[in-house]
Amino acid sequence: PPLDPELALRSLVALVDLDRGWVPSSRGHALYVRPTIIAHEPFLGVRPAHSYLYFVILSPVGAYYPEGMNPVKILVVDAYVRAVEGGVGAAKTSGNYAASLYAAEEAKHQGYTQVLWLDGVHRRYLDEVGTMNIMVKIGDEVATPPLTGAILPGVTRDSVLTLLREWGLPVRERQVSIDEVWAASKQGTLREVWGTGTAAVISPVGELSYKGERIVINGGRIGELTQKLYDAIVAIQYGEAADPHGWLVTV
């Protein structure tokens, strides 16, 4: 069901205010906020529910990945599909997570932190990395998959695109094939790869593995632009830099 944005914001502010003692004070830590809606009625059957429960979970958190801001190793998979256009890939639904768990476990068993998903139709174009939006810098251009309905329209993705355009950097929302990424690596034009999400903010990718072939990005180090984006967003979040976009809400 539709949720009134103003009601949701008021509830979030009230809850964070009530539990303000749980807000971590050290840099690199935060209070993670998870609004949730679930069906809430005593019915056994397959149909949309008639009543729902809206609730919010708060949890103090540290770095989302064990590596922190160190580059992560990612396994590219084409044997499994996270979501397809026409489905619910653009929504934060539990079903999307369920579809990703098996491949994620396989990746971990092989020593990788997460999975880079390809599109569900051609199994060729970049989709998402784990639960994050993916961005690549090839040459001077930053590219990220377009919002086709199969990937999340992440708020951090939007923030990063806003900053990149303000900085005057060439950025495009377009299809990026895994073949293009591999070719750019061999040509020496693949500069940086990173994921964006509310939990990790920015997660640099240092290595990709696909069909038994491995490429190392930027020598396995954090890219200059990746670091700049992380520093800029975190500085705004911690009140250390101005917020000209109105991204912050005072509690």
C-alpha atoms as a PDB file:
ATOM      1  CA  PRO A   1       0.000   0.000   0.000  1.00  0.00           C
ATOM      2  CA  PRO A   2       1.147   3.592  -0.496  1.00  0.00           C
ATOM      3  CA  LEU A   3       2.763   5.147   2.568  1.00  0.00           C
ATOM      4  CA  ASP A   4       2.389   8.882   3.168  1.00  0.00           C
ATOM      5  CA  PRO A   5       5.959  10.280   2.932  1.00  0.00           C
ATOM      6  CA  GLU A   6       5.247  13.011   5.493  1.00  0.00           C
ATOM      7  CA  LEU A   7       3.864  10.474   7.967  1.00  0.00           C
ATOM      8  CA  ALA A   8       6.875   8.234   7.424  1.00  0.00           C
ATOM      9  CA  LEU A   9       9.310  11.108   7.956  1.00  0.00           C
ATOM     10  CA  ARG A  10       7.559  12.232  11.140  1.00  0.00           C
ATOM     11  CA  SER A  11       7.658   8.689  12.510  1.00  0.00           C
ATOM     12  CA  LEU A  12      11.363   8.341  11.715  1.00  0.00           C
ATOM     13  CA  VAL A  13      12.223  11.656  13.357  1.00  0.00           C
ATOM     14  CA  ALA A  14      10.179  10.785  16.455  1.00  0.00           C
ATOM     15  CA  LEU A  15      11.796   7.353  16.822  1.00  0.00           C
ATOM     16  CA  VAL A  16      15.359   8.607  16.313  1.00  0.00           C
ATOM     17  CA  ASP A  17      14.684  11.379  18.832  1.00  0.00           C
ATOM     18  CA  LEU A  18      13.394   8.808  21.336  1.00  0.00           C
ATOM     19  CA  ASP A  19      16.455   6.586  20.851  1.00  0.00           C
ATOM     20  CA  ARG A  20      19.034   9.342  20.320  1.00  0.00           C
ATOM     21  CA  GLY A  21      21.209   7.734  23.002  1.00  0.00           C
ATOM     22  CA  TRP A  22      21.891   4.891  20.563  1.00  0.00           C
ATOM     23  CA  VAL A  23      23.353   7.192  17.904  1.00  0.00           C
ATOM     24  CA  PRO A  24      27.103   6.391  17.735  1.00  0.00           C
ATOM     25  CA  SER A  25      29.425   9.345  18.190  1.00  0.00           C
ATOM     26  CA  SER A  26      32.528   7.869  16.516  1.00  0.00           C
ATOM     27  CA  ARG A  27      33.249   8.365  12.829  1.00  0.00           C
ATOM     28  CA  GLY A  28      32.628   5.294  10.690  1.00  0.00           C
ATOM     29  CA  HIS A  29      29.624   4.273  12.782  1.00  0.00           C
ATOM     30  CA  ALA A  30      25.970   5.216  12.440  1.00  0.00           C
ATOM     31  CA  LEU A  31      22.417   4.460  13.503  1.00  0.00           C
ATOM     32  CA  TYR A  32      20.928   2.409  10.685  1.00  0.00           C
ATOM     33  CA  VAL A  33      17.231   3.073  10.055  1.00  0.00           C
ATOM     34  CA  ARG A  34      15.106   0.391   8.398  1.00  0.00           C
ATOM     35  CA  PRO A  35      11.436   1.259   7.688  1.00  0.00           C
ATOM     36  CA  THR A  36       9.420  -1.872   6.941  1.00  0.00           C
ATOM     37  CA  ILE A  37       5.893  -2.832   5.887  1.00  0.00           C
ATOM     38  CA  ILE A  38       4.557  -6.387   6.194  1.00  0.00           C
ATOM     39  CA  ALA A  39       1.165  -8.045   5.745  1.00  0.00           C
ATOM     40  CA  HIS A  40      -0.690  -8.146   9.044  1.00  0.00           C
ATOM     41  CA  GLU A  41      -3.835 -10.271   9.063  1.00  0.00           C
ATOM     42  CA  PRO A  42      -4.855 -13.829  10.080  1.00  0.00           C
ATOM     43  CA  PHE A  43      -5.284 -15.257   6.583  1.00  0.00           C
ATOM     44  CA  LEU A  44      -3.795 -18.285   4.842  1.00  0.00           C
ATOM     45  CA  GLY A  45      -3.848 -17.977   1.081  1.00  0.00           C
ATOM     46  CA  VAL A  46      -2.304 -16.234  -1.906  1.00  0.00           C
ATOM     47  CA  ARG A  47      -3.672 -12.733  -2.417  1.00  0.00           C
ATOM     48  CA  PRO A  48      -2.732  -9.172  -1.506  1.00  0.00           C
ATOM     49  CA  ALA A  49      -3.308  -8.486   2.175  1.00  0.00           C
ATOM     50  CA  HIS A  50      -6.057  -6.161   3.356  1.00  0.00           C
ATOM     51  CA  SER A  51      -4.123  -4.855   6.345  1.00  0.00           C
ATOM     52  CA  TYR A  52      -0.461  -4.061   6.862  1.00  0.00           C
ATOM     53  CA  LEU A  53       1.885  -3.220   9.703  1.00  0.00           C
ATOM     54  CA  TYR A  54       4.364  -0.365   9.309  1.00  0.00           C
ATOM     55  CA  PHE A  55       7.299  -0.396  11.705  1.00  0.00           C
ATOM     56  CA  VAL A  56      10.874   0.861  11.923  1.00  0.00           C
ATOM     57  CA  ILE A  57      14.000  -0.931  13.138  1.00  0.00           C
ATOM     58  CA  LEU A  58      16.988   1.016  14.468  1.00  0.00           C
ATOM     59  CA  SER A  59      20.428  -0.501  14.931  1.00  0.00           C
ATOM     60  CA  PRO A  60      23.885   0.963  15.642  1.00  0.00           C
ATOM     61  CA  VAL A  61      26.249  -0.233  12.903  1.00  0.00           C
ATOM     62  CA  GLY A  62      29.878  -0.087  11.863  1.00  0.00           C
ATOM     63  CA  ALA A  63      31.335  -0.760   8.425  1.00  0.00           C
ATOM     64  CA  TYR A  64      28.917  -2.735   6.227  1.00  0.00           C
ATOM     65  CA  TYR A  65      31.679  -4.914   4.794  1.00  0.00           C
ATOM     66  CA  PRO A  66      34.468  -6.411   6.959  1.00  0.00           C
ATOM     67  CA  GLU A  67      36.982  -4.725   4.649  1.00  0.00           C
ATOM     68  CA  GLY A  68      35.597  -1.292   5.590  1.00  0.00           C
ATOM     69  CA  MET A  69      36.777   1.195   2.937  1.00  0.00           C
ATOM     70  CA  ASN A  70      39.346  -1.252   1.597  1.00  0.00           C
ATOM     71  CA  PRO A  71      38.594  -2.521  -1.928  1.00  0.00           C
ATOM     72  CA  VAL A  72      36.478  -5.685  -2.062  1.00  0.00           C
ATOM     73  CA  LYS A  73      36.724  -8.737  -4.314  1.00  0.00           C
ATOM     74  CA  ILE A  74      33.588  -9.365  -6.389  1.00  0.00           C
ATOM     75  CA  LEU A  75      32.418 -12.440  -8.300  1.00  0.00           C
ATOM     76  CA  VAL A  76      30.484 -11.759 -11.520  1.00  0.00           C
ATOM     77  CA  VAL A  77      27.682 -14.300 -12.014  1.00  0.00           C
ATOM     78  CA  ASP A  78      25.538 -15.059 -15.051  1.00  0.00           C
ATOM     79  CA  ALA A  79      24.086 -18.396 -13.925  1.00  0.00           C
ATOM     80  CA  TYR A  80      21.631 -16.707 -11.545  1.00  0.00           C
ATOM     81  CA  VAL A  81      19.336 -13.687 -11.854  1.00  0.00           C
ATOM     82  CA  ARG A  82      18.497 -11.201  -9.119  1.00  0.00           C
ATOM     83  CA  ALA A  83      15.575  -9.470 -10.874  1.00  0.00           C
ATOM     84  CA  VAL A  84      14.179  -8.644 -14.313  1.00  0.00           C
ATOM     85  CA  GLU A  85      12.327  -5.716 -15.845  1.00  0.00           C
ATOM     86  CA  GLY A  86       8.613  -5.991 -15.198  1.00  0.00           C
ATOM     87  CA  GLY A  87       9.187  -7.501 -11.754  1.00  0.00           C
ATOM     88  CA  VAL A  88       9.904  -5.936  -8.376  1.00  0.00           C
ATOM     89  CA  GLY A  89      13.642  -5.369  -8.767  1.00  0.00           C
ATOM     90  CA  ALA A  90      13.207  -1.634  -8.229  1.00  0.00           C
ATOM     91  CA  ALA A  91      11.569  -2.165  -4.825  1.00  0.00           C
ATOM     92  CA  LYS A  92      13.155  -3.052  -1.494  1.00  0.00           C
ATOM     93  CA  THR A  93      11.343  -6.375  -1.135  1.00  0.00           C
ATOM     94  CA  SER A  94      12.397  -9.472   0.788  1.00  0.00           C
ATOM     95  CA  GLY A  95      11.878 -11.585  -2.328  1.00  0.00           C
ATOM     96  CA  ASN A  96      14.729  -9.787  -4.074  1.00  0.00           C
ATOM     97  CA  TYR A  97      17.057 -10.713  -1.232  1.00  0.00           C
ATOM     98  CA  ALA A  98      15.880 -14.325  -1.238  1.00  0.00           C
ATOM     99  CA  ALA A  99      16.767 -14.678  -4.908  1.00  0.00           C
ATOM    100  CA  SER A 100      20.303 -13.451  -4.221  1.00  0.00           C
ATOM    101  CA  LEU A 101      21.295 -15.571  -1.228  1.00  0.00           C
ATOM    102  CA  TYR A 102      22.467 -18.750  -2.971  1.00  0.00           C
ATOM    103  CA  ALA A 103      24.790 -16.933  -5.351  1.00  0.00           C
ATOM    104  CA  ALA A 104      26.105 -14.756  -2.517  1.00  0.00           C
ATOM    105  CA  GLU A 105      26.969 -17.844  -0.470  1.00  0.00           C
ATOM    106  CA  GLU A 106      28.731 -19.392  -3.459  1.00  0.00           C
ATOM    107  CA  ALA A 107      30.771 -16.214  -3.844  1.00  0.00           C
ATOM    108  CA  LYS A 108      31.783 -16.239  -0.176  1.00  0.00           C
ATOM    109  CA  HIS A 109      32.870 -19.886  -0.390  1.00  0.00           C
ATOM    110  CA  GLN A 110      35.165 -18.865  -3.250  1.00  0.00           C
ATOM    111  CA  GLY A 111      36.665 -16.019  -1.222  1.00  0.00           C
ATOM    112  CA  TYR A 112      34.654 -13.117  -2.644  1.00  0.00           C
ATOM    113  CA  THR A 113      32.819 -10.466  -0.660  1.00  0.00           C
ATOM    114  CA  GLN A 114      29.787 -10.126  -2.912  1.00  0.00           C
ATOM    115  CA  VAL A 115      28.216 -10.793  -6.300  1.00  0.00           C
ATOM    116  CA  LEU A 116      28.026  -8.520  -9.330  1.00  0.00           C
ATOM    117  CA  TRP A 117      24.703  -9.279 -10.998  1.00  0.00           C
ATOM    118  CA  LEU A 118      24.134  -9.087 -14.733  1.00  0.00           C
ATOM    119  CA  ASP A 119      20.793  -8.269 -16.347  1.00  0.00           C
ATOM    120  CA  GLY A 120      18.181 -11.008 -16.345  1.00  0.00           C
ATOM    121  CA  VAL A 121      17.508 -11.015 -20.101  1.00  0.00           C
ATOM    122  CA  HIS A 122      20.857 -10.952 -21.891  1.00  0.00           C
ATOM    123  CA  ARG A 123      23.034 -11.942 -18.891  1.00  0.00           C
ATOM    124  CA  ARG A 124      25.479  -9.381 -20.223  1.00  0.00           C
ATOM    125  CA  TYR A 125      24.874  -5.909 -18.802  1.00  0.00           C
ATOM    126  CA  LEU A 126      25.814  -4.751 -15.299  1.00  0.00           C
ATOM    127  CA  ASP A 127      22.864  -4.721 -12.909  1.00  0.00           C
ATOM    128  CA  GLU A 128      23.749  -4.340  -9.210  1.00  0.00           C
ATOM    129  CA  VAL A 129      26.616  -5.351  -6.952  1.00  0.00           C
ATOM    130  CA  GLY A 130      25.277  -7.201  -3.921  1.00  0.00           C
ATOM    131  CA  THR A 131      22.574  -4.892  -2.579  1.00  0.00           C
ATOM    132  CA  MET A 132      24.210  -1.766  -4.007  1.00  0.00           C
ATOM    133  CA  ASN A 133      24.124   0.234  -7.218  1.00  0.00           C
ATOM    134  CA  ILE A 134      27.257  -0.140  -9.351  1.00  0.00           C
ATOM    135  CA  MET A 135      29.362   2.559 -11.028  1.00  0.00           C
ATOM    136  CA  VAL A 136      32.422   2.284 -13.260  1.00  0.00           C
ATOM    137  CA  LYS A 137      34.894   4.890 -14.442  1.00  0.00           C
ATOM    138  CA  ILE A 138      36.139   4.083 -17.934  1.00  0.00           C
ATOM    139  CA  GLY A 139      38.509   6.700 -19.282  1.00  0.00           C
ATOM    140  CA  ASP A 140      37.185  10.026 -18.035  1.00  0.00           C
ATOM    141  CA  GLU A 141      33.511   8.954 -18.002  1.00  0.00           C
ATOM    142  CA  VAL A 142      31.574   7.540 -15.073  1.00  0.00           C
ATOM    143  CA  ALA A 143      28.807   5.157 -16.150  1.00  0.00           C
ATOM    144  CA  THR A 144      26.054   3.477 -14.156  1.00  0.00           C
ATOM    145  CA  PRO A 145      23.136   1.267 -15.254  1.00  0.00           C
ATOM    146  CA  PRO A 146      19.911   3.171 -16.036  1.00  0.00           C
ATOM    147  CA  LEU A 147      16.798   2.804 -13.898  1.00  0.00           C
ATOM    148  CA  THR A 148      14.888   0.307 -16.030  1.00  0.00           C
ATOM    149  CA  GLY A 149      12.740  -1.122 -13.240  1.00  0.00           C
ATOM    150  CA  ALA A 150      15.106  -3.988 -12.461  1.00  0.00           C
ATOM    151  CA  ILE A 151      17.457  -2.119 -10.111  1.00  0.00           C
ATOM    152  CA  LEU A 152      16.951   0.027  -7.043  1.00  0.00           C
ATOM    153  CA  PRO A 153      16.774   3.809  -7.521  1.00  0.00           C
ATOM    154  CA  GLY A 154      19.188   4.221  -4.616  1.00  0.00           C
ATOM    155  CA  VAL A 155      19.322   7.502  -2.712  1.00  0.00           C
ATOM    156  CA  THR A 156      23.125   7.254  -2.471  1.00  0.00           C
ATOM    157  CA  ARG A 157      23.270   6.605  -6.213  1.00  0.00           C
ATOM    158  CA  ASP A 158      21.325   9.808  -6.745  1.00  0.00           C
ATOM    159  CA  SER A 159      23.602  11.734  -4.366  1.00  0.00           C
ATOM    160  CA  VAL A 160      26.719  10.510  -6.170  1.00  0.00           C
ATOM    161  CA  LEU A 161      25.322  11.433  -9.594  1.00  0.00           C
ATOM    162  CA  THR A 162      24.442  14.888  -8.260  1.00  0.00           C
ATOM    163  CA  LEU A 163      27.976  15.453  -6.944  1.00  0.00           C
ATOM    164  CA  LEU A 164      29.643  14.168 -10.109  1.00  0.00           C
ATOM    165  CA  ARG A 165      27.613  16.538 -12.280  1.00  0.00           C
ATOM    166  CA  GLU A 166      28.310  19.457  -9.946  1.00  0.00           C
ATOM    167  CA  TRP A 167      32.017  18.706 -10.209  1.00  0.00           C
ATOM    168  CA  GLY A 168      31.738  18.863 -13.985  1.00  0.00           C
ATOM    169  CA  LEU A 169      32.680  15.235 -14.565  1.00  0.00           C
ATOM    170  CA  PRO A 170      31.214  13.346 -17.539  1.00  0.00           C
ATOM    171  CA  VAL A 171      28.638  10.885 -16.237  1.00  0.00           C
ATOM    172  CA  ARG A 172      26.071   8.779 -18.095  1.00  0.00           C
ATOM    173  CA  GLU A 173      23.263   6.469 -17.081  1.00  0.00           C
ATOM    174  CA  ARG A 174      23.632   3.763 -19.703  1.00  0.00           C
ATOM    175  CA  GLN A 175      24.002   0.045 -20.226  1.00  0.00           C
ATOM    176  CA  VAL A 176      27.497  -1.213 -19.455  1.00  0.00           C
ATOM    177  CA  SER A 177      28.316  -4.722 -20.642  1.00  0.00           C
ATOM    178  CA  ILE A 178      30.689  -6.993 -18.759  1.00  0.00           C
ATOM    179  CA  ASP A 179      32.586  -7.362 -22.055  1.00  0.00           C
ATOM    180  CA  GLU A 180      33.129  -3.589 -22.125  1.00  0.00           C
ATOM    181  CA  VAL A 181      34.502  -3.687 -18.578  1.00  0.00           C
ATOM    182  CA  TRP A 182      36.907  -6.509 -19.456  1.00  0.00           C
ATOM    183  CA  ALA A 183      38.013  -4.785 -22.662  1.00  0.00           C
ATOM    184  CA  ALA A 184      38.605  -1.519 -20.789  1.00  0.00           C
ATOM    185  CA  SER A 185      40.727  -3.363 -18.236  1.00  0.00           C
ATOM    186  CA  LYS A 186      42.893  -4.900 -20.962  1.00  0.00           C
ATOM    187  CA  GLN A 187      43.227  -1.515 -22.699  1.00  0.00           C
ATOM    188  CA  GLY A 188      44.170   0.202 -19.438  1.00  0.00           C
ATOM    189  CA  THR A 189      41.148   2.536 -19.437  1.00  0.00           C
ATOM    190  CA  LEU A 190      39.212   0.947 -16.549  1.00  0.00           C
ATOM    191  CA  ARG A 191      40.048   3.459 -13.819  1.00  0.00           C
ATOM    192  CA  GLU A 192      37.714   2.691 -10.919  1.00  0.00           C
ATOM    193  CA  VAL A 193      34.693   0.611  -9.895  1.00  0.00           C
ATOM    194  CA  TRP A 194      32.558   1.193  -6.805  1.00  0.00           C
ATOM    195  CA  GLY A 195      29.188   0.418  -5.272  1.00  0.00           C
ATOM    196  CA  THR A 196      26.814   2.914  -3.655  1.00  0.00           C
ATOM    197  CA  GLY A 197      24.297   2.266  -0.880  1.00  0.00           C
ATOM    198  CA  THR A 198      22.952   3.690   2.361  1.00  0.00           C
ATOM    199  CA  ALA A 199      24.730   1.140   4.559  1.00  0.00           C
ATOM    200  CA  ALA A 200      28.257   1.282   3.114  1.00  0.00           C
ATOM    201  CA  VAL A 201      27.871   4.711   1.417  1.00  0.00           C
ATOM    202  CA  ILE A 202      30.674   3.942  -1.067  1.00  0.00           C
ATOM    203  CA  SER A 203      32.365   0.553  -1.426  1.00  0.00           C
ATOM    204  CA  PRO A 204      35.450   0.412  -3.687  1.00  0.00           C
ATOM    205  CA  VAL A 205      35.907  -2.671  -5.857  1.00  0.00           C
ATOM    206  CA  GLY A 206      39.492  -3.871  -6.217  1.00  0.00           C
ATOM    207  CA  GLU A 207      38.982  -7.113  -8.113  1.00  0.00           C
ATOM    208  CA  LEU A 208      36.429  -8.728 -10.425  1.00  0.00           C
ATOM    209  CA  SER A 209      36.300 -12.398 -11.401  1.00  0.00           C
ATOM    210  CA  TYR A 210      34.244 -13.656 -14.350  1.00  0.00           C
ATOM    211  CA  LYS A 211      34.279 -17.119 -15.912  1.00  0.00           C
ATOM    212  CA  GLY A 212      37.583 -17.970 -14.299  1.00  0.00           C
ATOM    213  CA  GLU A 213      39.318 -14.772 -15.413  1.00  0.00           C
ATOM    214  CA  ARG A 214      40.349 -12.125 -12.898  1.00  0.00           C
ATOM    215  CA  ILE A 215      41.004  -8.405 -13.319  1.00  0.00           C
ATOM    216  CA  VAL A 216      42.485  -6.064 -10.717  1.00  0.00           C
ATOM    217  CA  ILE A 217      41.217  -2.488 -10.690  1.00  0.00           C
ATOM    218  CA  ASN A 218      43.534   0.438  -9.942  1.00  0.00           C
ATOM    219  CA  GLY A 219      46.159  -1.929  -8.583  1.00  0.00           C
ATOM    220  CA  GLY A 220      43.721  -3.114  -5.921  1.00  0.00           C
ATOM    221  CA  ARG A 221      43.752   0.335  -4.297  1.00  0.00           C
ATOM    222  CA  ILE A 222      40.975   2.842  -3.598  1.00  0.00           C
ATOM    223  CA  GLY A 223      40.540   5.143  -6.574  1.00  0.00           C
ATOM    224  CA  GLU A 224      40.969   8.886  -6.206  1.00  0.00           C
ATOM    225  CA  LEU A 225      37.398   9.649  -7.289  1.00  0.00           C
ATOM    226  CA  THR A 226      35.966   6.860  -5.123  1.00  0.00           C
ATOM    227  CA  GLN A 227      37.686   8.330  -2.060  1.00  0.00           C
ATOM    228  CA  LYS A 228      36.618  11.872  -2.954  1.00  0.00           C
ATOM    229  CA  LEU A 229      32.962  10.830  -3.249  1.00  0.00           C
ATOM    230  CA  TYR A 230      33.045   8.956   0.059  1.00  0.00           C
ATOM    231  CA  ASP A 231      34.694  11.859   1.873  1.00  0.00           C
ATOM    232  CA  ALA A 232      32.235  14.380   0.423  1.00  0.00           C
ATOM    233  CA  ILE A 233      29.092  12.432   1.341  1.00  0.00           C
ATOM    234  CA  VAL A 234      30.294  11.433   4.819  1.00  0.00           C
ATOM    235  CA  ALA A 235      31.351  15.029   5.548  1.00  0.00           C
ATOM    236  CA  ILE A 236      27.799  16.173   4.783  1.00  0.00           C
ATOM    237  CA  GLN A 237      26.305  13.352   6.867  1.00  0.00           C
ATOM    238  CA  TYR A 238      28.464  14.249   9.888  1.00  0.00           C
ATOM    239  CA  GLY A 239      27.760  17.972   9.590  1.00  0.00           C
ATOM    240  CA  GLU A 240      31.369  18.744   8.672  1.00  0.00           C
ATOM    241  CA  ALA A 241      30.436  20.206   5.288  1.00  0.00           C
ATOM    242  CA  ALA A 242      27.574  22.344   4.025  1.00  0.00           C
ATOM    243  CA  ASP A 243      24.424  20.623   2.770  1.00  0.00           C
ATOM    244  CA  PRO A 244      23.274  22.752  -0.182  1.00  0.00           C
ATOM    245  CA  HIS A 245      20.891  20.034  -1.418  1.00  0.00           C
ATOM    246  CA  GLY A 246      18.767  19.699   1.721  1.00  0.00           C
ATOM    247  CA  TRP A 247      19.700  16.047   2.195  1.00  0.00           C
ATOM    248  CA  LEU A 248      19.842  16.278   5.993  1.00  0.00           C
ATOM    249  CA  VAL A 249      16.930  16.305   8.438  1.00  0.00           C
ATOM    250  CA  THR A 250      17.454  17.817  11.882  1.00  0.00           C
ATOM    251  CA  VAL A 251      16.175  15.755  14.813  1.00  0.00           C
END
